[in-house]
N, C-alpha and C. Protein backbone atom coordinates (compact mmCIF):
# COMPACT_ATOMS: atom_id res chain seq x y z
N ALA A 1 0.84 -1.19 0.00
CA ALA A 1 0.00 0.00 0.00
C ALA A 1 0.87 1.24 0.00
N LYS A 2 0.50 2.20 -0.82
CA LYS A 2 1.24 3.45 -0.89
C LYS A 2 0.54 4.48 -0.01
N THR A 3 1.33 5.24 0.73
CA THR A 3 0.83 6.34 1.53
C THR A 3 1.40 7.61 0.95
N ARG A 4 0.59 8.63 0.82
CA ARG A 4 1.06 9.89 0.26
C ARG A 4 0.80 11.01 1.26
N ALA A 5 1.75 11.93 1.36
CA ALA A 5 1.58 13.14 2.15
C ALA A 5 2.08 14.29 1.29
N ALA A 6 1.25 15.30 1.10
CA ALA A 6 1.63 16.42 0.25
C ALA A 6 2.73 17.24 0.91
N LEU A 7 3.61 17.78 0.09
CA LEU A 7 4.73 18.58 0.57
C LEU A 7 4.81 19.84 -0.27
N SER A 8 4.78 20.99 0.36
CA SER A 8 4.92 22.25 -0.34
C SER A 8 6.13 22.98 0.20
N LEU A 9 7.09 23.25 -0.66
CA LEU A 9 8.27 24.01 -0.28
C LEU A 9 8.12 25.44 -0.79
N SER A 10 8.31 26.40 0.08
CA SER A 10 8.16 27.83 -0.19
C SER A 10 6.83 28.15 -0.87
N GLY A 11 5.83 27.36 -0.58
CA GLY A 11 4.48 27.63 -1.02
C GLY A 11 4.23 27.45 -2.51
N THR A 12 5.21 27.03 -3.29
CA THR A 12 5.00 26.94 -4.73
C THR A 12 5.10 25.52 -5.26
N ASN A 13 6.21 24.87 -5.02
CA ASN A 13 6.41 23.52 -5.56
C ASN A 13 5.66 22.50 -4.74
N MET A 14 4.96 21.61 -5.42
CA MET A 14 4.26 20.54 -4.71
C MET A 14 5.01 19.24 -4.95
N LEU A 15 5.49 18.66 -3.86
CA LEU A 15 6.13 17.36 -3.90
C LEU A 15 5.31 16.43 -3.02
N GLU A 16 5.59 15.17 -3.07
CA GLU A 16 4.90 14.21 -2.22
C GLU A 16 5.90 13.34 -1.50
N VAL A 17 5.53 12.97 -0.28
CA VAL A 17 6.23 11.92 0.42
C VAL A 17 5.44 10.66 0.13
N ILE A 18 6.08 9.70 -0.50
CA ILE A 18 5.38 8.47 -0.88
C ILE A 18 5.98 7.31 -0.10
N ALA A 19 5.12 6.55 0.56
CA ALA A 19 5.54 5.35 1.30
C ALA A 19 5.26 4.14 0.42
N ARG A 20 6.29 3.30 0.29
CA ARG A 20 6.17 2.09 -0.52
C ARG A 20 6.69 0.90 0.26
N PRO A 21 6.28 -0.30 -0.12
CA PRO A 21 6.85 -1.48 0.55
C PRO A 21 8.37 -1.49 0.39
N TYR A 22 9.03 -1.92 1.42
CA TYR A 22 10.49 -1.99 1.47
C TYR A 22 11.02 -3.00 0.47
N ARG A 23 12.14 -2.67 -0.16
CA ARG A 23 12.86 -3.61 -1.03
C ARG A 23 14.21 -3.90 -0.38
N ILE A 24 14.63 -5.16 -0.42
CA ILE A 24 15.91 -5.54 0.15
C ILE A 24 16.99 -4.59 -0.36
N GLY A 25 17.77 -4.06 0.55
CA GLY A 25 18.85 -3.15 0.20
C GLY A 25 18.52 -1.68 0.36
N ASP A 26 17.23 -1.34 0.53
CA ASP A 26 16.86 0.07 0.69
C ASP A 26 17.57 0.71 1.88
N ALA A 27 17.60 0.03 3.01
CA ALA A 27 18.20 0.63 4.22
C ALA A 27 19.67 0.96 4.02
N ALA A 28 20.37 0.16 3.27
CA ALA A 28 21.79 0.40 3.02
C ALA A 28 22.00 1.65 2.18
N MET A 29 20.97 2.11 1.49
CA MET A 29 21.09 3.30 0.65
C MET A 29 20.74 4.59 1.39
N VAL A 30 20.32 4.48 2.66
CA VAL A 30 19.98 5.67 3.45
C VAL A 30 21.18 5.99 4.35
N PRO A 31 21.90 7.08 4.05
CA PRO A 31 23.04 7.42 4.90
C PRO A 31 22.57 7.88 6.28
N VAL A 32 23.20 7.37 7.31
CA VAL A 32 22.87 7.75 8.67
C VAL A 32 24.11 8.27 9.37
N GLU A 33 23.89 9.01 10.46
CA GLU A 33 24.99 9.67 11.16
C GLU A 33 25.83 8.73 12.01
N GLU A 34 25.25 7.65 12.48
CA GLU A 34 26.00 6.75 13.35
C GLU A 34 26.20 5.40 12.69
N ALA A 35 27.30 4.79 12.99
CA ALA A 35 27.62 3.48 12.43
C ALA A 35 26.76 2.40 13.08
N ASP A 36 26.61 1.29 12.38
CA ASP A 36 25.92 0.12 12.92
C ASP A 36 26.64 -0.31 14.20
N PRO A 37 25.98 -0.20 15.36
CA PRO A 37 26.67 -0.51 16.62
C PRO A 37 27.01 -1.98 16.80
N PHE A 38 26.37 -2.84 16.03
CA PHE A 38 26.56 -4.27 16.21
C PHE A 38 27.31 -4.92 15.05
N GLY A 39 27.38 -4.25 13.92
CA GLY A 39 28.06 -4.79 12.76
C GLY A 39 27.22 -5.74 11.94
N PHE A 40 26.04 -6.10 12.42
CA PHE A 40 25.17 -7.03 11.71
C PHE A 40 23.72 -6.59 11.71
N TRP A 41 23.46 -5.39 12.22
CA TRP A 41 22.08 -4.94 12.40
C TRP A 41 21.30 -4.93 11.09
N LEU A 42 21.91 -4.43 10.04
CA LEU A 42 21.21 -4.33 8.76
C LEU A 42 20.72 -5.68 8.27
N VAL A 43 21.55 -6.69 8.34
CA VAL A 43 21.17 -8.04 7.91
C VAL A 43 20.04 -8.57 8.79
N GLU A 44 20.17 -8.42 10.10
CA GLU A 44 19.13 -8.87 11.03
C GLU A 44 17.82 -8.13 10.80
N MET A 45 17.91 -6.82 10.59
CA MET A 45 16.71 -6.02 10.37
C MET A 45 15.97 -6.51 9.14
N GLU A 46 16.67 -6.70 8.05
CA GLU A 46 15.99 -7.14 6.83
C GLU A 46 15.39 -8.53 6.98
N ALA A 47 15.98 -9.37 7.80
CA ALA A 47 15.48 -10.74 7.97
C ALA A 47 14.32 -10.82 8.96
N ASN A 48 14.33 -9.96 9.98
CA ASN A 48 13.40 -10.17 11.10
C ASN A 48 12.37 -9.07 11.35
N CYS A 49 12.57 -7.89 10.83
CA CYS A 49 11.65 -6.79 11.15
C CYS A 49 10.39 -6.86 10.30
N LYS A 50 9.34 -6.27 10.83
CA LYS A 50 8.04 -6.24 10.18
C LYS A 50 7.68 -4.81 9.82
N GLY A 51 6.70 -4.67 8.97
CA GLY A 51 6.20 -3.35 8.62
C GLY A 51 7.23 -2.49 7.91
N LEU A 52 8.23 -3.10 7.28
CA LEU A 52 9.28 -2.33 6.63
C LEU A 52 8.69 -1.48 5.51
N THR A 53 9.01 -0.20 5.55
CA THR A 53 8.46 0.75 4.60
C THR A 53 9.56 1.71 4.16
N SER A 54 9.59 2.01 2.88
CA SER A 54 10.54 2.97 2.32
C SER A 54 9.78 4.24 1.93
N TYR A 55 10.39 5.39 2.16
CA TYR A 55 9.75 6.68 1.90
C TYR A 55 10.57 7.45 0.86
N TYR A 56 9.86 8.04 -0.08
CA TYR A 56 10.50 8.76 -1.18
C TYR A 56 9.97 10.18 -1.26
N ILE A 57 10.87 11.12 -1.59
CA ILE A 57 10.48 12.49 -1.90
C ILE A 57 11.07 12.79 -3.27
N ASP A 58 10.21 13.18 -4.18
CA ASP A 58 10.64 13.52 -5.54
C ASP A 58 11.46 12.39 -6.16
N GLY A 59 11.06 11.16 -5.89
CA GLY A 59 11.72 9.99 -6.46
C GLY A 59 12.95 9.51 -5.73
N ALA A 60 13.43 10.26 -4.73
CA ALA A 60 14.63 9.88 -3.99
C ALA A 60 14.26 9.18 -2.68
N LEU A 61 14.92 8.07 -2.40
CA LEU A 61 14.72 7.35 -1.15
C LEU A 61 15.25 8.21 0.00
N VAL A 62 14.39 8.56 0.96
CA VAL A 62 14.80 9.45 2.05
C VAL A 62 14.72 8.80 3.43
N ALA A 63 13.98 7.71 3.56
CA ALA A 63 13.84 7.10 4.88
C ALA A 63 13.34 5.67 4.77
N VAL A 64 13.63 4.90 5.81
CA VAL A 64 13.13 3.53 5.96
C VAL A 64 12.67 3.39 7.40
N THR A 65 11.50 2.79 7.59
CA THR A 65 11.00 2.51 8.93
C THR A 65 10.57 1.06 9.03
N GLY A 66 10.43 0.58 10.25
CA GLY A 66 9.96 -0.77 10.51
C GLY A 66 9.92 -1.01 12.00
N TYR A 67 9.60 -2.24 12.37
CA TYR A 67 9.56 -2.56 13.79
C TYR A 67 9.92 -4.02 14.01
N GLU A 68 10.34 -4.29 15.23
CA GLU A 68 10.59 -5.66 15.66
C GLU A 68 9.62 -5.94 16.79
N LEU A 69 8.92 -7.05 16.69
CA LEU A 69 7.98 -7.44 17.73
C LEU A 69 8.74 -7.91 18.96
N LEU A 70 8.50 -7.23 20.11
CA LEU A 70 9.16 -7.63 21.34
C LEU A 70 8.40 -8.78 22.00
N TRP A 71 7.08 -8.64 22.05
CA TRP A 71 6.17 -9.69 22.50
C TRP A 71 4.79 -9.31 22.01
N SER A 72 3.81 -10.12 22.22
CA SER A 72 2.49 -9.91 21.65
C SER A 72 1.98 -8.48 21.92
N GLY A 73 1.74 -7.75 20.84
CA GLY A 73 1.16 -6.42 20.94
C GLY A 73 2.15 -5.29 21.20
N VAL A 74 3.42 -5.61 21.44
CA VAL A 74 4.42 -4.58 21.76
C VAL A 74 5.58 -4.65 20.76
N ALA A 75 5.88 -3.51 20.16
CA ALA A 75 6.92 -3.46 19.13
C ALA A 75 7.92 -2.36 19.43
N TYR A 76 9.14 -2.59 18.97
CA TYR A 76 10.20 -1.58 19.02
C TYR A 76 10.42 -1.09 17.59
N ALA A 77 10.21 0.20 17.36
CA ALA A 77 10.28 0.75 16.01
C ALA A 77 11.59 1.49 15.77
N PHE A 78 11.92 1.64 14.50
CA PHE A 78 13.11 2.40 14.13
C PHE A 78 12.81 3.22 12.88
N ALA A 79 13.61 4.25 12.68
CA ALA A 79 13.55 5.05 11.46
C ALA A 79 14.97 5.42 11.06
N LEU A 80 15.31 5.12 9.83
CA LEU A 80 16.56 5.57 9.24
C LEU A 80 16.19 6.72 8.31
N VAL A 81 16.75 7.89 8.54
CA VAL A 81 16.35 9.08 7.79
C VAL A 81 17.57 9.76 7.19
N ASN A 82 17.51 10.04 5.91
CA ASN A 82 18.54 10.82 5.24
C ASN A 82 18.22 12.28 5.55
N ARG A 83 18.82 12.80 6.60
CA ARG A 83 18.48 14.14 7.07
C ARG A 83 18.72 15.23 6.03
N PRO A 84 19.83 15.22 5.31
CA PRO A 84 20.01 16.28 4.31
C PRO A 84 18.91 16.30 3.24
N LEU A 85 18.48 15.13 2.77
CA LEU A 85 17.43 15.09 1.75
C LEU A 85 16.06 15.46 2.30
N CYS A 86 15.89 15.36 3.61
CA CYS A 86 14.60 15.68 4.23
C CYS A 86 14.54 17.10 4.76
N SER A 87 15.61 17.83 4.61
CA SER A 87 15.66 19.19 5.11
C SER A 87 14.49 20.00 4.56
N GLY A 88 13.69 20.55 5.45
CA GLY A 88 12.52 21.31 5.05
C GLY A 88 11.28 20.47 4.82
N ALA A 89 11.41 19.16 4.91
CA ALA A 89 10.27 18.27 4.66
C ALA A 89 9.98 17.37 5.85
N GLY A 90 10.51 17.70 7.01
CA GLY A 90 10.35 16.86 8.20
C GLY A 90 8.90 16.64 8.61
N LYS A 91 8.10 17.69 8.57
CA LYS A 91 6.69 17.56 8.97
C LYS A 91 5.94 16.62 8.03
N GLU A 92 6.21 16.76 6.76
CA GLU A 92 5.52 15.91 5.78
C GLU A 92 5.96 14.46 5.90
N LEU A 93 7.26 14.25 6.13
CA LEU A 93 7.74 12.88 6.34
C LEU A 93 7.13 12.31 7.62
N ALA A 94 7.09 13.11 8.68
CA ALA A 94 6.50 12.66 9.94
C ALA A 94 5.03 12.28 9.75
N THR A 95 4.31 13.04 8.95
CA THR A 95 2.90 12.73 8.67
C THR A 95 2.77 11.38 7.97
N ALA A 96 3.63 11.12 7.00
CA ALA A 96 3.58 9.84 6.28
C ALA A 96 3.94 8.68 7.21
N VAL A 97 4.96 8.88 8.06
CA VAL A 97 5.37 7.83 9.00
C VAL A 97 4.26 7.58 10.03
N LYS A 98 3.67 8.64 10.54
CA LYS A 98 2.58 8.51 11.52
C LYS A 98 1.40 7.72 10.91
N THR A 99 1.06 8.03 9.67
CA THR A 99 -0.02 7.31 8.98
C THR A 99 0.29 5.82 8.91
N ARG A 100 1.53 5.51 8.58
CA ARG A 100 1.95 4.10 8.47
C ARG A 100 1.93 3.41 9.84
N ILE A 101 2.38 4.10 10.89
CA ILE A 101 2.36 3.51 12.24
C ILE A 101 0.93 3.18 12.66
N ILE A 102 0.03 4.11 12.44
CA ILE A 102 -1.38 3.88 12.80
C ILE A 102 -1.93 2.68 12.04
N GLU A 103 -1.63 2.60 10.76
CA GLU A 103 -2.06 1.48 9.92
C GLU A 103 -1.52 0.16 10.46
N LEU A 104 -0.22 0.13 10.78
CA LEU A 104 0.39 -1.10 11.30
C LEU A 104 -0.15 -1.49 12.67
N MET A 105 -0.42 -0.50 13.51
CA MET A 105 -0.96 -0.82 14.83
C MET A 105 -2.31 -1.53 14.69
N GLN A 106 -3.10 -1.10 13.72
CA GLN A 106 -4.41 -1.72 13.51
C GLN A 106 -4.28 -3.10 12.87
N THR A 107 -3.53 -3.19 11.77
CA THR A 107 -3.46 -4.46 11.05
C THR A 107 -2.66 -5.53 11.80
N ASP A 108 -1.64 -5.10 12.55
CA ASP A 108 -0.78 -6.06 13.24
C ASP A 108 -1.14 -6.22 14.71
N LYS A 109 -2.25 -5.60 15.11
CA LYS A 109 -2.77 -5.71 16.49
C LYS A 109 -1.72 -5.33 17.54
N LEU A 110 -1.13 -4.15 17.34
CA LEU A 110 -0.15 -3.63 18.28
C LEU A 110 -0.83 -2.64 19.22
N HIS A 111 -0.59 -2.75 20.50
CA HIS A 111 -1.14 -1.77 21.43
C HIS A 111 -0.07 -0.82 21.96
N ARG A 112 1.19 -1.13 21.69
CA ARG A 112 2.29 -0.25 22.08
C ARG A 112 3.41 -0.36 21.05
N VAL A 113 3.84 0.81 20.56
CA VAL A 113 5.01 0.90 19.69
C VAL A 113 5.97 1.86 20.36
N GLN A 114 7.18 1.38 20.62
CA GLN A 114 8.14 2.22 21.32
C GLN A 114 9.38 2.44 20.47
N ALA A 115 10.09 3.53 20.78
CA ALA A 115 11.31 3.88 20.05
C ALA A 115 12.21 4.65 21.01
N THR A 116 13.50 4.67 20.70
CA THR A 116 14.44 5.42 21.51
C THR A 116 15.27 6.33 20.62
N CYS A 117 15.86 7.34 21.24
CA CYS A 117 16.85 8.18 20.57
C CYS A 117 17.84 8.66 21.62
N HIS A 118 19.04 9.00 21.16
CA HIS A 118 20.05 9.54 22.08
C HIS A 118 19.54 10.85 22.67
N VAL A 119 19.83 11.11 23.93
CA VAL A 119 19.35 12.33 24.58
C VAL A 119 19.91 13.59 23.92
N THR A 120 21.01 13.48 23.23
CA THR A 120 21.61 14.65 22.57
C THR A 120 21.09 14.86 21.15
N ASP A 121 20.26 13.96 20.65
CA ASP A 121 19.76 14.05 19.28
C ASP A 121 18.40 14.75 19.27
N ARG A 122 18.44 16.07 19.34
CA ARG A 122 17.21 16.86 19.41
C ARG A 122 16.33 16.64 18.17
N ALA A 123 16.94 16.56 16.99
CA ALA A 123 16.17 16.37 15.76
C ALA A 123 15.38 15.07 15.79
N ALA A 124 15.99 14.00 16.29
CA ALA A 124 15.28 12.71 16.38
C ALA A 124 14.12 12.80 17.37
N ALA A 125 14.33 13.47 18.49
CA ALA A 125 13.26 13.62 19.49
C ALA A 125 12.10 14.43 18.91
N VAL A 126 12.40 15.49 18.19
CA VAL A 126 11.36 16.30 17.55
C VAL A 126 10.60 15.46 16.52
N PHE A 127 11.34 14.67 15.74
CA PHE A 127 10.70 13.81 14.73
C PHE A 127 9.79 12.78 15.39
N LEU A 128 10.25 12.15 16.47
CA LEU A 128 9.42 11.16 17.17
C LEU A 128 8.13 11.79 17.69
N ARG A 129 8.24 12.97 18.28
CA ARG A 129 7.03 13.66 18.76
C ARG A 129 6.08 13.97 17.60
N ALA A 130 6.64 14.40 16.47
CA ALA A 130 5.82 14.75 15.30
C ALA A 130 5.12 13.53 14.72
N THR A 131 5.67 12.34 14.92
CA THR A 131 5.03 11.12 14.41
C THR A 131 4.04 10.53 15.41
N GLY A 132 3.85 11.21 16.54
CA GLY A 132 2.83 10.79 17.50
C GLY A 132 3.35 10.11 18.75
N TYR A 133 4.66 9.98 18.87
CA TYR A 133 5.22 9.37 20.07
C TYR A 133 5.19 10.35 21.24
N ARG A 134 5.05 9.79 22.44
CA ARG A 134 5.09 10.56 23.68
C ARG A 134 6.35 10.13 24.43
N GLN A 135 7.11 11.12 24.89
CA GLN A 135 8.32 10.79 25.65
C GLN A 135 7.94 10.25 27.01
N GLU A 136 8.51 9.10 27.37
CA GLU A 136 8.17 8.45 28.64
C GLU A 136 9.27 8.53 29.68
N SER A 137 10.52 8.32 29.27
CA SER A 137 11.57 8.24 30.29
C SER A 137 12.95 8.44 29.68
N ARG A 138 13.91 8.48 30.57
CA ARG A 138 15.32 8.51 30.19
C ARG A 138 15.92 7.17 30.61
N ILE A 139 16.59 6.51 29.69
CA ILE A 139 17.23 5.23 29.98
C ILE A 139 18.72 5.52 30.17
N VAL A 140 19.17 5.45 31.41
CA VAL A 140 20.55 5.77 31.73
C VAL A 140 21.48 4.68 31.21
N ARG A 141 22.47 5.10 30.42
CA ARG A 141 23.47 4.21 29.82
C ARG A 141 22.84 3.07 29.02
N GLY A 142 21.73 3.37 28.33
CA GLY A 142 20.99 2.35 27.60
C GLY A 142 21.46 2.09 26.18
N ALA A 143 22.30 2.96 25.64
CA ALA A 143 22.78 2.78 24.27
C ALA A 143 23.99 1.85 24.25
N PRO A 144 24.26 1.22 23.10
CA PRO A 144 25.43 0.33 23.01
C PRO A 144 26.75 1.00 23.41
N ASP A 145 26.83 2.31 23.21
CA ASP A 145 28.06 3.03 23.56
C ASP A 145 28.05 3.55 25.00
N GLY A 146 27.01 3.20 25.77
CA GLY A 146 26.94 3.59 27.17
C GLY A 146 26.33 4.97 27.42
N THR A 147 25.85 5.62 26.37
CA THR A 147 25.21 6.92 26.57
C THR A 147 23.73 6.74 26.89
N ASP A 148 23.11 7.83 27.33
CA ASP A 148 21.70 7.80 27.72
C ASP A 148 20.79 7.90 26.50
N LEU A 149 19.60 7.33 26.66
CA LEU A 149 18.56 7.37 25.62
C LEU A 149 17.27 7.93 26.19
N PHE A 150 16.43 8.47 25.35
CA PHE A 150 15.06 8.79 25.71
C PHE A 150 14.17 7.68 25.16
N MET A 151 13.20 7.23 25.95
CA MET A 151 12.21 6.25 25.52
C MET A 151 10.95 7.00 25.13
N PHE A 152 10.42 6.68 23.96
CA PHE A 152 9.16 7.24 23.46
C PHE A 152 8.22 6.08 23.19
N ALA A 153 6.90 6.34 23.22
CA ALA A 153 5.93 5.30 22.90
C ALA A 153 4.65 5.90 22.34
N ILE A 154 4.00 5.10 21.51
CA ILE A 154 2.64 5.37 21.06
C ILE A 154 1.80 4.25 21.65
N ILE A 155 0.76 4.64 22.36
CA ILE A 155 -0.12 3.66 23.00
C ILE A 155 -1.44 3.64 22.23
N GLY A 156 -1.83 2.47 21.77
CA GLY A 156 -3.07 2.33 21.03
C GLY A 156 -4.06 1.49 21.80
N SER A 157 -5.11 1.07 21.13
CA SER A 157 -6.17 0.32 21.79
C SER A 157 -6.30 -1.11 21.29
N ALA A 158 -5.36 -1.56 20.45
CA ALA A 158 -5.47 -2.90 19.86
C ALA A 158 -5.45 -4.00 20.91
């Protein structure tokens, strides 16, 4: 299923954020700021994650999202975002991601979707809030590198 969110830059050009089913290798094409902390995450993600979705703006791949089921009804979500390509389009991308999360919560019977970001990554925290997540807590030394994380969650009724 394709999800579309309209995007207007400087009030004149109309672009769209288009969500499409994930294709193997899409995540490797999204440059991210931090290295794979485990060295095998990409392979594991493609093999085990659900709801994998690729997002495009003006034909360019700008983000990949998905989730891993922790236990029945509870998922841990992630987003890989090409920040330079999304500059000025964050709200529209967040709208498309939020639409997809709501869809997945209903179809996959999820009542909680959670995500984390480093406490120093303000842009990621803003993006998570824009996609409907609520900040719940600070996880002290919760990242692979021993730094602190913020925990966010979307609570549904499934």
